[in-house]
């Protein structure tokens, strides 16, 4: 995803007493990683950034506050594609069309329910286990797109979140000015169909003509990058049982030199280490669902020399130990 989505985050973290270096360090990021709004960030690192901020500041509503105060212009190119549109309908259509240019592994779109429409948003990246902060800040951001067209007093008909409530539903309803439901299938905002006719006050056809080619190019690049990443990830999974594949191994499998393979990775904005982690994560979840496979065998199959190393990695992916994950998964199955 683009670093534009972090605009104003450091100031908010400091406001709540957060140690910026520590928060970013725990998320695997550096401050310079977000200095350029067009810089690429890993989605799971972005989510971890706000999770860490909530944990270290002891403010579970930090994402809610961030999204509530987030201006559409701060969203970068995607935000400008929305506010430069002629109507709210066109703004949401632009966001739906170009959302992959801003953030991948995510579903974003409109769902019709008679004369009520729902704007739905959900991350489906398996590496992102804790999504509360991202969901709450994202829904807040999207509400501000509506307020740009309909005025600051506009409120949704209802807001839904896929995560569970912390027990203080009133705080969320105060932020959104609407009923809030938790534990639902997706994150969504309900609004009236007639809202789509509202005019965007900063409609700018020239700006739109400049932005759209950039976003189209990024959408195409993201599509190509995801296909290439999937191909590399599949090869990694095929060979993990033998040993941990290296960049040199992958280059040989793809029939190119190592520098050429590295160039392909850079062209798609990919890091081999991230692909390796994703492959291990996917296989780990697949293996651990089978209660007959010992955890030690899973660790060796994924290239870990000992169970403790696998357990640490698994805890980083899911927030819980392999043993606990397996027990919970067994309870949730019929």
Protein backbone atom coordinates (compact mmCIF):
# COMPACT_ATOMS: atom_id res chain seq x y z
CA UNK A 1 0.00 0.00 0.00
CA UNK A 2 1.05 3.65 -0.32
CA UNK A 3 2.62 5.50 2.60
CA UNK A 4 0.13 8.37 2.10
CA UNK A 5 -2.23 6.45 4.40
CA UNK A 6 0.09 7.20 7.36
CA UNK A 7 -0.15 10.98 6.96
CA UNK A 8 -0.43 12.52 10.42
CA UNK A 9 0.14 9.23 12.27
CA UNK A 10 3.36 10.23 14.05
CA UNK A 11 1.76 13.40 15.40
CA UNK A 12 -1.18 11.43 16.75
CA UNK A 13 1.06 8.81 18.35
CA UNK A 14 3.10 11.54 20.07
CA UNK A 15 -0.09 13.24 21.24
CA UNK A 16 -0.99 10.06 23.12
CA UNK A 17 2.48 9.68 24.60
CA UNK A 18 3.80 7.07 22.18
CA UNK A 19 7.50 6.38 21.67
CA UNK A 20 7.72 6.84 17.88
CA UNK A 21 10.96 4.94 17.35
CA UNK A 22 9.74 2.03 19.43
CA UNK A 23 6.32 1.88 17.74
CA UNK A 24 7.84 1.95 14.27
CA UNK A 25 10.56 -0.51 15.25
CA UNK A 26 8.04 -3.04 16.55
CA UNK A 27 6.15 -2.71 13.27
CA UNK A 28 9.34 -3.35 11.30
CA UNK A 29 9.35 0.18 9.88
CA UNK A 30 11.54 3.28 9.99
CA UNK A 31 10.35 6.89 9.90
CA UNK A 32 11.95 7.39 6.50
CA UNK A 33 9.72 4.61 5.15
CA UNK A 34 6.75 7.01 5.30
CA UNK A 35 8.52 10.24 4.33
CA UNK A 36 7.40 9.89 0.70
CA UNK A 37 3.59 9.48 0.28
CA UNK A 38 4.20 7.35 -2.84
CA UNK A 39 6.53 4.96 -1.00
CA UNK A 40 5.39 1.34 -0.85
CA UNK A 41 4.55 -0.20 2.54
CA UNK A 42 3.64 -3.78 3.32
CA UNK A 43 -0.01 -3.91 4.32
CA UNK A 44 0.71 -6.12 7.33
CA UNK A 45 3.37 -3.67 8.55
CA UNK A 46 0.92 -0.77 8.19
CA UNK A 47 -1.68 -2.62 10.25
CA UNK A 48 0.94 -3.61 12.81
CA UNK A 49 1.99 0.04 13.11
CA UNK A 50 -1.45 1.05 14.41
CA UNK A 51 -1.78 -2.10 16.51
CA UNK A 52 1.53 -1.26 18.18
CA UNK A 53 0.50 2.36 18.66
CA UNK A 54 -2.74 1.26 20.32
CA UNK A 55 -0.87 -1.18 22.56
CA UNK A 56 1.98 1.09 23.57
CA UNK A 57 -0.17 4.20 24.15
CA UNK A 58 -2.83 2.05 25.86
CA UNK A 59 -5.42 3.73 23.66
CA UNK A 60 -7.53 1.08 21.88
CA UNK A 61 -9.35 3.81 19.97
CA UNK A 62 -6.31 5.37 18.30
CA UNK A 63 -7.31 4.06 14.85
CA UNK A 64 -10.83 5.38 15.35
CA UNK A 65 -9.46 8.85 16.14
CA UNK A 66 -6.98 8.75 13.26
CA UNK A 67 -9.65 7.92 10.68
CA UNK A 68 -12.13 10.44 12.07
CA UNK A 69 -9.66 13.31 11.56
CA UNK A 70 -8.18 12.08 8.28
CA UNK A 71 -8.75 14.41 5.32
CA UNK A 72 -9.39 12.77 1.91
CA UNK A 73 -6.52 14.83 0.48
CA UNK A 74 -4.14 13.09 2.87
CA UNK A 75 -4.92 9.80 1.15
CA UNK A 76 -2.74 10.88 -1.76
CA UNK A 77 -3.61 10.01 -5.35
CA UNK A 78 -6.63 7.89 -4.42
CA UNK A 79 -8.03 10.72 -2.31
CA UNK A 80 -7.55 13.24 -5.09
CA UNK A 81 -9.25 10.86 -7.54
CA UNK A 82 -12.28 10.98 -5.24
CA UNK A 83 -12.49 14.69 -4.47
CA UNK A 84 -11.80 15.77 -8.07
CA UNK A 85 -14.79 13.75 -9.33
CA UNK A 86 -18.03 15.57 -10.27
CA UNK A 87 -20.37 13.66 -7.92
CA UNK A 88 -20.19 11.38 -4.92
CA UNK A 89 -21.22 8.49 -7.18
CA UNK A 90 -18.23 9.19 -9.43
CA UNK A 91 -15.95 9.62 -6.41
CA UNK A 92 -16.88 6.20 -5.02
CA UNK A 93 -16.62 4.65 -8.46
CA UNK A 94 -13.10 6.04 -8.82
CA UNK A 95 -12.15 4.67 -5.41
CA UNK A 96 -13.56 1.25 -6.25
CA UNK A 97 -11.78 1.20 -9.62
CA UNK A 98 -8.42 2.42 -8.38
CA UNK A 99 -8.32 1.00 -4.86
CA UNK A 100 -5.86 -1.74 -5.95
CA UNK A 101 -3.44 1.05 -6.91
CA UNK A 102 -3.46 2.19 -3.29
CA UNK A 103 -3.79 -1.08 -1.38
CA UNK A 104 -3.82 -4.73 -2.39
CA UNK A 105 -5.16 -7.90 -0.71
CA UNK A 106 -8.33 -5.94 0.01
CA UNK A 107 -11.95 -5.92 -1.15
CA UNK A 108 -13.63 -2.54 -1.56
CA UNK A 109 -16.96 -1.91 -3.24
CA UNK A 110 -20.67 -1.11 -3.10
CA UNK A 111 -23.38 -3.59 -2.17
CA UNK A 112 -27.03 -2.84 -2.98
CA UNK A 113 -29.85 -3.52 -0.50
CA UNK A 114 -33.09 -2.06 -1.92
CA UNK A 115 -32.82 1.74 -1.60
CA UNK A 116 -29.92 1.37 0.85
CA UNK A 117 -26.31 0.96 -0.29
CA UNK A 118 -23.39 -0.40 1.69
CA UNK A 119 -19.78 0.59 1.16
CA UNK A 120 -17.90 -2.57 2.11
CA UNK A 121 -14.22 -2.88 3.03
CA UNK A 122 -12.27 -5.93 4.14
CA UNK A 123 -8.62 -7.05 4.18
CA UNK A 124 -8.13 -10.65 3.09
CA UNK A 125 -4.33 -10.83 3.46
CA UNK A 126 -3.79 -13.94 5.66
CA UNK A 127 -0.76 -12.31 7.29
CA UNK A 128 -2.95 -9.60 8.82
CA UNK A 129 -4.63 -11.26 11.79
CA UNK A 130 -5.47 -8.23 13.93
CA UNK A 131 -7.48 -5.78 11.82
CA UNK A 132 -9.41 -3.71 14.36
CA UNK A 133 -7.35 -0.54 14.13
CA UNK A 134 -7.18 -0.62 10.32
CA UNK A 135 -10.92 -1.26 9.97
CA UNK A 136 -11.87 1.58 12.29
CA UNK A 137 -9.49 4.11 10.77
CA UNK A 138 -10.43 3.10 7.20
CA UNK A 139 -14.17 3.39 7.79
CA UNK A 140 -13.55 6.81 9.34
CA UNK A 141 -11.58 7.87 6.26
CA UNK A 142 -14.38 6.72 3.95
CA UNK A 143 -16.98 8.63 5.97
CA UNK A 144 -14.99 11.79 5.35
CA UNK A 145 -15.34 11.28 1.58
CA UNK A 146 -19.11 11.40 2.11
CA UNK A 147 -18.81 14.49 4.31
CA UNK A 148 -16.83 16.26 1.59
CA UNK A 149 -19.90 16.04 -0.66
CA UNK A 150 -22.75 16.08 1.87
CA UNK A 151 -21.36 18.37 4.56
CA UNK A 152 -19.74 17.81 7.96
CA UNK A 153 -23.06 16.96 9.64
CA UNK A 154 -23.67 13.92 7.40
CA UNK A 155 -23.78 10.60 9.20
CA UNK A 156 -24.16 7.03 7.90
CA UNK A 157 -27.34 5.07 8.54
CA UNK A 158 -25.33 2.30 10.21
CA UNK A 159 -21.74 1.17 10.58
CA UNK A 160 -20.64 -2.46 10.80
CA UNK A 161 -17.34 -4.03 11.83
CA UNK A 162 -16.11 -7.60 11.50
CA UNK A 163 -14.26 -7.46 14.83
CA UNK A 164 -15.87 -7.75 18.26
CA UNK A 165 -16.74 -4.83 20.50
CA UNK A 166 -14.45 -3.74 23.32
CA UNK A 167 -17.55 -3.19 25.42
CA UNK A 168 -17.83 0.57 24.83
CA UNK A 169 -20.13 0.75 21.83
CA UNK A 170 -21.17 4.28 22.77
CA UNK A 171 -17.72 5.67 21.89
CA UNK A 172 -17.96 4.36 18.33
CA UNK A 173 -21.51 5.62 17.94
CA UNK A 174 -20.41 9.06 19.12
CA UNK A 175 -17.64 9.15 16.49
CA UNK A 176 -19.89 8.03 13.65
CA UNK A 177 -23.19 9.53 14.81
CA UNK A 178 -24.90 6.26 13.89
CA UNK A 179 -25.70 2.79 15.24
CA UNK A 180 -22.63 0.53 15.21
CA UNK A 181 -22.73 -3.26 14.98
CA UNK A 182 -19.80 -5.59 15.71
CA UNK A 183 -18.94 -9.16 14.78
CA UNK A 184 -20.40 -8.84 11.28
CA UNK A 185 -19.25 -10.44 8.04
CA UNK A 186 -17.42 -7.34 6.80
CA UNK A 187 -16.74 -3.68 7.61
CA UNK A 188 -19.36 -1.46 5.99
CA UNK A 189 -21.14 1.90 5.92
CA UNK A 190 -24.87 2.12 5.08
CA UNK A 191 -26.16 5.17 3.24
CA UNK A 192 -29.12 6.28 1.11
CA UNK A 193 -29.01 5.89 -2.66
CA UNK A 194 -29.93 9.56 -3.14
CA UNK A 195 -26.66 10.55 -1.44
CA UNK A 196 -24.85 9.50 -4.61
CA UNK A 197 -26.27 12.51 -6.48
CA UNK A 198 -24.43 14.99 -4.25
CA UNK A 199 -21.89 17.21 -6.01
CA UNK A 200 -18.25 17.17 -5.02
CA UNK A 201 -17.29 20.79 -4.18
CA UNK A 202 -13.72 20.48 -5.50
CA UNK A 203 -14.51 18.85 -8.84
CA UNK A 204 -11.44 19.28 -11.07
CA UNK A 205 -11.47 17.55 -14.48
CA UNK A 206 -7.88 18.58 -15.21
CA UNK A 207 -6.60 17.08 -11.95
CA UNK A 208 -8.58 13.93 -12.66
CA UNK A 209 -7.01 13.65 -16.12
CA UNK A 210 -3.53 13.85 -14.57
CA UNK A 211 -4.20 11.38 -11.76
CA UNK A 212 -6.08 8.65 -13.62
CA UNK A 213 -3.22 7.47 -15.91
CA UNK A 214 -0.97 7.14 -12.86
CA UNK A 215 -3.56 5.09 -10.98
CA UNK A 216 -4.33 2.95 -14.03
CA UNK A 217 -0.63 2.20 -14.43
CA UNK A 218 -0.35 1.23 -10.77
CA UNK A 219 -3.39 -1.05 -11.01
CA UNK A 220 -1.80 -2.85 -13.96
CA UNK A 221 1.54 -3.07 -12.16
CA UNK A 222 -0.13 -4.41 -9.00
CA UNK A 223 -1.92 -7.05 -11.05
CA UNK A 224 1.34 -8.12 -12.68
CA UNK A 225 3.17 -7.98 -9.34
CA UNK A 226 0.59 -10.19 -7.64
CA UNK A 227 0.83 -12.75 -10.45
CA UNK A 228 4.62 -12.80 -10.29
CA UNK A 229 4.61 -12.96 -6.48
CA UNK A 230 2.14 -15.86 -6.57
CA UNK A 231 4.34 -17.77 -9.03
CA UNK A 232 7.45 -17.28 -6.87
CA UNK A 233 5.53 -18.13 -3.70
CA UNK A 234 4.27 -21.38 -5.23
CA UNK A 235 7.81 -22.40 -6.18
CA UNK A 236 9.00 -21.61 -2.67
CA UNK A 237 6.25 -23.79 -1.19
CA UNK A 238 7.17 -26.65 -3.51
CA UNK A 239 10.81 -26.64 -2.36
CA UNK A 240 10.54 -25.73 1.32
CA UNK A 241 10.46 -29.39 2.33
CA UNK A 242 13.93 -29.89 0.85
CA UNK A 243 15.63 -26.74 2.15
CA UNK A 244 15.01 -23.01 2.36
CA UNK A 245 15.15 -21.73 -1.25
CA UNK A 246 17.45 -18.81 -1.98
CA UNK A 247 17.24 -16.06 -4.56
CA UNK A 248 19.81 -17.99 -6.59
CA UNK A 249 17.60 -21.10 -6.44
CA UNK A 250 14.58 -19.13 -7.63
CA UNK A 251 16.56 -17.55 -10.47
CA UNK A 252 17.57 -21.03 -11.67
CA UNK A 253 13.98 -22.26 -11.48
CA UNK A 254 12.76 -19.27 -13.52
CA UNK A 255 15.57 -19.72 -16.02
CA UNK A 256 17.24 -16.34 -15.49
CA UNK A 257 20.40 -15.05 -13.85
CA UNK A 258 20.29 -13.98 -10.22
CA UNK A 259 20.73 -10.25 -11.08
CA UNK A 260 17.90 -10.54 -13.61
CA UNK A 261 15.62 -12.17 -11.03
CA UNK A 262 16.48 -9.47 -8.47
CA UNK A 263 15.62 -6.86 -11.08
CA UNK A 264 12.21 -8.49 -11.60
CA UNK A 265 11.58 -8.40 -7.87
CA UNK A 266 12.48 -4.71 -7.68
CA UNK A 267 10.36 -3.88 -10.74
CA UNK A 268 7.32 -5.37 -9.01
CA UNK A 269 8.12 -3.75 -5.65
CA UNK A 270 8.70 -7.13 -4.01
CA UNK A 271 11.18 -8.45 -1.45
CA UNK A 272 12.13 -12.12 -1.59
CA UNK A 273 12.13 -12.28 2.20
CA UNK A 274 8.47 -11.21 2.27
CA UNK A 275 7.53 -13.86 -0.30
CA UNK A 276 9.35 -16.52 1.72
CA UNK A 277 7.51 -15.46 4.89
CA UNK A 278 4.15 -15.49 3.09
CA UNK A 279 4.82 -18.99 1.70
CA UNK A 280 5.76 -20.30 5.14
CA UNK A 281 2.69 -18.67 6.67
CA UNK A 282 0.32 -20.19 4.12
CA UNK A 283 1.80 -23.66 4.51
CA UNK A 284 1.84 -23.36 8.28
CA UNK A 285 -1.90 -22.63 8.38
CA UNK A 286 -2.52 -25.52 5.98
CA UNK A 287 -0.49 -28.03 7.98
CA UNK A 288 -1.66 -26.94 11.41
CA UNK A 289 -5.29 -27.50 10.45
CA UNK A 290 -4.48 -31.23 10.39
CA UNK A 291 -4.28 -32.35 14.05
CA UNK A 292 -2.42 -35.53 13.05
CA UNK A 293 0.71 -33.67 11.91
CA UNK A 294 3.09 -33.05 14.85
CA UNK A 295 4.22 -29.45 15.29
CA UNK A 296 7.86 -30.51 15.11
CA UNK A 297 7.25 -32.05 11.71
CA UNK A 298 5.57 -28.85 10.53
CA UNK A 299 8.55 -26.81 11.70
CA UNK A 300 11.01 -29.01 9.77
CA UNK A 301 8.77 -28.99 6.68
CA UNK A 302 8.91 -25.20 6.68
CA UNK A 303 12.69 -25.10 6.96
CA UNK A 304 13.01 -24.33 10.67
CA UNK A 305 15.77 -26.14 12.53
CA UNK A 306 13.79 -26.34 15.75
CA UNK A 307 10.24 -26.00 17.02
CA UNK A 308 10.97 -22.88 19.09
CA UNK A 309 11.99 -20.90 15.98
CA UNK A 310 8.79 -21.95 14.21
CA UNK A 311 6.73 -21.07 17.29
CA UNK A 312 8.22 -17.55 17.41
CA UNK A 313 7.50 -17.01 13.71
CA UNK A 314 3.97 -18.35 14.04
CA UNK A 315 3.28 -16.07 16.99
CA UNK A 316 4.42 -13.08 14.89
CA UNK A 317 2.04 -14.10 12.10
CA UNK A 318 -1.04 -14.86 14.15
CA UNK A 319 -0.51 -13.38 17.60
CA UNK A 320 -0.72 -16.79 19.27
CA UNK A 321 1.29 -19.97 19.65
CA UNK A 322 0.82 -22.90 17.23
CA UNK A 323 -0.62 -25.00 20.07
CA UNK A 324 -3.22 -22.37 20.98
CA UNK A 325 -4.09 -21.72 17.34
CA UNK A 326 -4.62 -25.43 16.74
CA UNK A 327 -6.84 -25.75 19.83
CA UNK A 328 -8.99 -22.77 18.80
CA UNK A 329 -9.23 -23.98 15.22
CA UNK A 330 -10.34 -27.41 16.44
CA UNK A 331 -13.04 -25.84 18.63
CA UNK A 332 -14.38 -23.72 15.77
CA UNK A 333 -14.72 -26.69 13.42
CA UNK A 334 -17.89 -28.81 13.48
